[in-house]
């Protein structure tokens, strides 16, 4: 559950929109929050994907040194 405080003007506008659409204010707020989170969650995934692609395209051996060190350490346990 989430409680949100709105200023009087926004509350009035939300009430008018909800009444005009035959929906509850909670339903409209839920949809707005869902769209906001989806948009920003997608932006984070896009940035992570961009960084992965950039790292994979790099031919710099230093980028792989950590991975190689972990593989060498793991090999000692086998």
N, C-alpha and C. Protein backbone atom coordinates (compact mmCIF):
# COMPACT_ATOMS: atom_id res chain seq x y z
N UNK A 1 0.85 -1.18 0.00
CA UNK A 1 0.00 0.00 0.00
C UNK A 1 0.89 1.23 0.00
N UNK A 2 0.47 2.24 -0.69
CA UNK A 2 1.23 3.47 -0.83
C UNK A 2 0.28 4.64 -0.66
N UNK A 3 0.62 5.55 0.21
CA UNK A 3 -0.15 6.78 0.35
C UNK A 3 0.63 7.91 -0.28
N UNK A 4 -0.06 8.77 -1.01
CA UNK A 4 0.61 9.88 -1.70
C UNK A 4 -0.13 11.17 -1.35
N UNK A 5 0.62 12.17 -0.97
CA UNK A 5 0.03 13.49 -0.71
C UNK A 5 0.14 14.33 -1.98
N UNK A 6 -0.98 14.89 -2.38
CA UNK A 6 -1.02 15.74 -3.57
C UNK A 6 -1.39 17.16 -3.15
N UNK A 7 -0.86 18.15 -3.88
CA UNK A 7 -1.31 19.51 -3.60
C UNK A 7 -2.75 19.64 -4.06
N UNK A 8 -3.42 20.66 -3.58
CA UNK A 8 -4.86 20.81 -3.85
C UNK A 8 -5.19 20.86 -5.33
N UNK A 9 -4.37 21.57 -6.10
CA UNK A 9 -4.63 21.70 -7.53
C UNK A 9 -4.52 20.36 -8.25
N UNK A 10 -3.47 19.60 -7.95
CA UNK A 10 -3.30 18.30 -8.59
C UNK A 10 -4.42 17.34 -8.16
N UNK A 11 -4.80 17.40 -6.91
CA UNK A 11 -5.91 16.56 -6.41
C UNK A 11 -7.20 16.90 -7.17
N UNK A 12 -7.45 18.19 -7.37
CA UNK A 12 -8.65 18.61 -8.10
C UNK A 12 -8.61 18.11 -9.54
N UNK A 13 -7.46 18.24 -10.19
CA UNK A 13 -7.33 17.79 -11.57
C UNK A 13 -7.47 16.28 -11.68
N UNK A 14 -6.85 15.55 -10.75
CA UNK A 14 -6.96 14.09 -10.75
C UNK A 14 -8.40 13.66 -10.58
N UNK A 15 -9.11 14.32 -9.66
CA UNK A 15 -10.52 14.00 -9.42
C UNK A 15 -11.34 14.22 -10.70
N UNK A 16 -11.08 15.33 -11.38
CA UNK A 16 -11.82 15.63 -12.61
C UNK A 16 -11.54 14.60 -13.70
N UNK A 17 -10.28 14.22 -13.85
CA UNK A 17 -9.92 13.21 -14.86
C UNK A 17 -10.56 11.87 -14.52
N UNK A 18 -10.48 11.47 -13.26
CA UNK A 18 -11.06 10.19 -12.84
C UNK A 18 -12.56 10.18 -13.10
N UNK A 19 -13.22 11.26 -12.74
CA UNK A 19 -14.68 11.35 -12.95
C UNK A 19 -14.99 11.29 -14.44
N UNK A 20 -14.21 12.01 -15.25
CA UNK A 20 -14.44 12.04 -16.69
C UNK A 20 -14.23 10.69 -17.36
N UNK A 21 -13.33 9.88 -16.80
CA UNK A 21 -13.04 8.57 -17.39
C UNK A 21 -13.81 7.44 -16.71
N UNK A 22 -14.52 7.77 -15.65
CA UNK A 22 -15.26 6.74 -14.93
C UNK A 22 -14.33 5.76 -14.23
N UNK A 23 -13.19 6.26 -13.76
CA UNK A 23 -12.21 5.41 -13.08
C UNK A 23 -11.95 5.98 -11.69
N UNK A 24 -11.34 5.19 -10.85
CA UNK A 24 -10.96 5.69 -9.54
C UNK A 24 -9.64 6.45 -9.63
N UNK A 25 -9.41 7.34 -8.67
CA UNK A 25 -8.13 8.05 -8.62
C UNK A 25 -7.00 7.06 -8.39
N UNK A 26 -7.24 6.06 -7.59
CA UNK A 26 -6.21 5.04 -7.34
C UNK A 26 -5.83 4.31 -8.61
N UNK A 27 -6.81 4.01 -9.44
CA UNK A 27 -6.55 3.30 -10.69
C UNK A 27 -5.68 4.15 -11.61
N UNK A 28 -5.98 5.44 -11.70
CA UNK A 28 -5.19 6.33 -12.54
C UNK A 28 -3.77 6.47 -11.98
N UNK A 29 -3.65 6.64 -10.67
CA UNK A 29 -2.33 6.77 -10.05
C UNK A 29 -1.51 5.50 -10.24
N UNK A 30 -2.15 4.34 -10.09
CA UNK A 30 -1.46 3.05 -10.27
C UNK A 30 -0.92 2.95 -11.69
N UNK A 31 -1.73 3.32 -12.69
CA UNK A 31 -1.28 3.27 -14.08
C UNK A 31 -0.12 4.24 -14.32
N UNK A 32 -0.20 5.42 -13.72
CA UNK A 32 0.87 6.42 -13.90
C UNK A 32 2.18 5.92 -13.28
N UNK A 33 2.11 5.35 -12.10
CA UNK A 33 3.31 4.83 -11.44
C UNK A 33 3.87 3.66 -12.23
N UNK A 34 3.01 2.79 -12.72
CA UNK A 34 3.46 1.64 -13.52
C UNK A 34 4.21 2.11 -14.77
N UNK A 35 3.65 3.09 -15.48
CA UNK A 35 4.32 3.61 -16.68
C UNK A 35 5.66 4.24 -16.33
N UNK A 36 5.71 4.98 -15.23
CA UNK A 36 6.96 5.63 -14.81
C UNK A 36 8.03 4.59 -14.50
N UNK A 37 7.66 3.58 -13.73
CA UNK A 37 8.62 2.53 -13.35
C UNK A 37 9.05 1.74 -14.58
N UNK A 38 8.11 1.39 -15.44
CA UNK A 38 8.47 0.66 -16.67
C UNK A 38 9.45 1.46 -17.52
N UNK A 39 9.21 2.75 -17.65
CA UNK A 39 10.08 3.61 -18.47
C UNK A 39 11.48 3.66 -17.88
N UNK A 40 11.58 3.85 -16.58
CA UNK A 40 12.90 3.97 -15.97
C UNK A 40 13.59 2.62 -15.82
N UNK A 41 12.83 1.58 -15.61
CA UNK A 41 13.41 0.23 -15.55
C UNK A 41 13.99 -0.13 -16.91
N UNK A 42 13.29 0.21 -17.97
CA UNK A 42 13.78 -0.06 -19.33
C UNK A 42 15.04 0.75 -19.60
N UNK A 43 15.09 1.99 -19.12
CA UNK A 43 16.28 2.81 -19.32
C UNK A 43 17.50 2.18 -18.65
N UNK A 44 17.30 1.62 -17.45
CA UNK A 44 18.41 0.94 -16.77
C UNK A 44 18.87 -0.29 -17.54
N UNK A 45 17.91 -1.07 -18.03
CA UNK A 45 18.27 -2.26 -18.81
C UNK A 45 18.98 -1.88 -20.10
N UNK A 46 18.54 -0.81 -20.74
CA UNK A 46 19.18 -0.35 -21.97
C UNK A 46 20.62 0.06 -21.71
N UNK A 47 20.86 0.78 -20.62
CA UNK A 47 22.21 1.21 -20.28
C UNK A 47 23.10 0.01 -19.95
N UNK A 48 22.58 -0.97 -19.22
CA UNK A 48 23.35 -2.17 -18.90
C UNK A 48 23.71 -2.92 -20.18
N UNK A 49 22.76 -3.02 -21.10
CA UNK A 49 22.99 -3.69 -22.37
C UNK A 49 24.06 -2.94 -23.17
N UNK A 50 23.99 -1.60 -23.18
CA UNK A 50 24.97 -0.79 -23.91
C UNK A 50 26.37 -1.02 -23.34
N UNK A 51 26.47 -1.06 -22.02
CA UNK A 51 27.78 -1.27 -21.40
C UNK A 51 28.31 -2.67 -21.68
N UNK A 52 27.44 -3.66 -21.69
CA UNK A 52 27.85 -5.03 -22.00
C UNK A 52 28.38 -5.14 -23.42
N UNK A 53 27.67 -4.51 -24.34
CA UNK A 53 28.09 -4.55 -25.74
C UNK A 53 29.44 -3.85 -25.90
N UNK A 54 29.60 -2.71 -25.23
CA UNK A 54 30.87 -1.97 -25.31
C UNK A 54 32.01 -2.80 -24.74
N UNK A 55 31.77 -3.46 -23.62
CA UNK A 55 32.82 -4.28 -23.01
C UNK A 55 33.16 -5.48 -23.89
N UNK A 56 32.14 -6.09 -24.49
CA UNK A 56 32.37 -7.26 -25.34
C UNK A 56 33.14 -6.86 -26.61
N UNK A 57 32.92 -5.65 -27.08
CA UNK A 57 33.58 -5.20 -28.30
C UNK A 57 35.03 -4.78 -28.04
N UNK A 58 35.37 -4.57 -26.80
CA UNK A 58 36.73 -4.12 -26.46
C UNK A 58 37.71 -5.27 -26.60
N UNK A 59 38.85 -4.97 -27.20
CA UNK A 59 39.91 -5.98 -27.32
C UNK A 59 40.98 -5.78 -26.25
N UNK A 60 40.66 -5.00 -25.24
CA UNK A 60 41.63 -4.70 -24.19
C UNK A 60 41.75 -5.90 -23.24
N UNK A 61 42.91 -6.55 -23.18
CA UNK A 61 43.07 -7.72 -22.31
C UNK A 61 42.82 -7.40 -20.84
N UNK A 62 43.02 -6.15 -20.44
CA UNK A 62 42.79 -5.79 -19.04
C UNK A 62 41.33 -5.98 -18.66
N UNK A 63 40.43 -5.88 -19.62
CA UNK A 63 39.01 -6.07 -19.34
C UNK A 63 38.72 -7.50 -18.89
N UNK A 64 39.56 -8.44 -19.26
CA UNK A 64 39.29 -9.85 -18.97
C UNK A 64 40.15 -10.38 -17.82
N UNK A 65 41.03 -9.56 -17.29
CA UNK A 65 41.97 -10.06 -16.28
C UNK A 65 41.25 -10.56 -15.04
N UNK A 66 40.22 -9.90 -14.60
CA UNK A 66 39.50 -10.35 -13.41
C UNK A 66 38.86 -11.71 -13.66
N UNK A 67 38.21 -11.85 -14.81
CA UNK A 67 37.57 -13.12 -15.17
C UNK A 67 38.59 -14.24 -15.24
N UNK A 68 39.75 -13.97 -15.83
CA UNK A 68 40.80 -14.99 -15.93
C UNK A 68 41.34 -15.36 -14.55
N UNK A 69 41.46 -14.39 -13.66
CA UNK A 69 41.94 -14.68 -12.30
C UNK A 69 40.97 -15.58 -11.56
N UNK A 70 39.68 -15.32 -11.72
CA UNK A 70 38.66 -16.15 -11.07
C UNK A 70 38.69 -17.56 -11.65
N UNK A 71 38.80 -17.69 -12.96
CA UNK A 71 38.88 -19.01 -13.59
C UNK A 71 40.11 -19.78 -13.10
N UNK A 72 41.24 -19.11 -12.96
CA UNK A 72 42.45 -19.77 -12.46
C UNK A 72 42.27 -20.22 -11.03
N UNK A 73 41.63 -19.37 -10.22
CA UNK A 73 41.39 -19.74 -8.83
C UNK A 73 40.43 -20.92 -8.75
N UNK A 74 39.41 -20.92 -9.57
CA UNK A 74 38.44 -22.03 -9.59
C UNK A 74 39.12 -23.32 -10.03
N UNK A 75 40.05 -23.24 -10.96
CA UNK A 75 40.73 -24.43 -11.45
C UNK A 75 41.51 -25.11 -10.33
N UNK A 76 42.00 -24.34 -9.36
CA UNK A 76 42.73 -24.91 -8.25
C UNK A 76 41.84 -25.76 -7.33
N UNK A 77 40.54 -25.54 -7.39
CA UNK A 77 39.60 -26.30 -6.54
C UNK A 77 39.14 -27.58 -7.23
N UNK A 78 39.44 -27.73 -8.49
CA UNK A 78 38.96 -28.92 -9.21
C UNK A 78 39.87 -30.09 -9.04
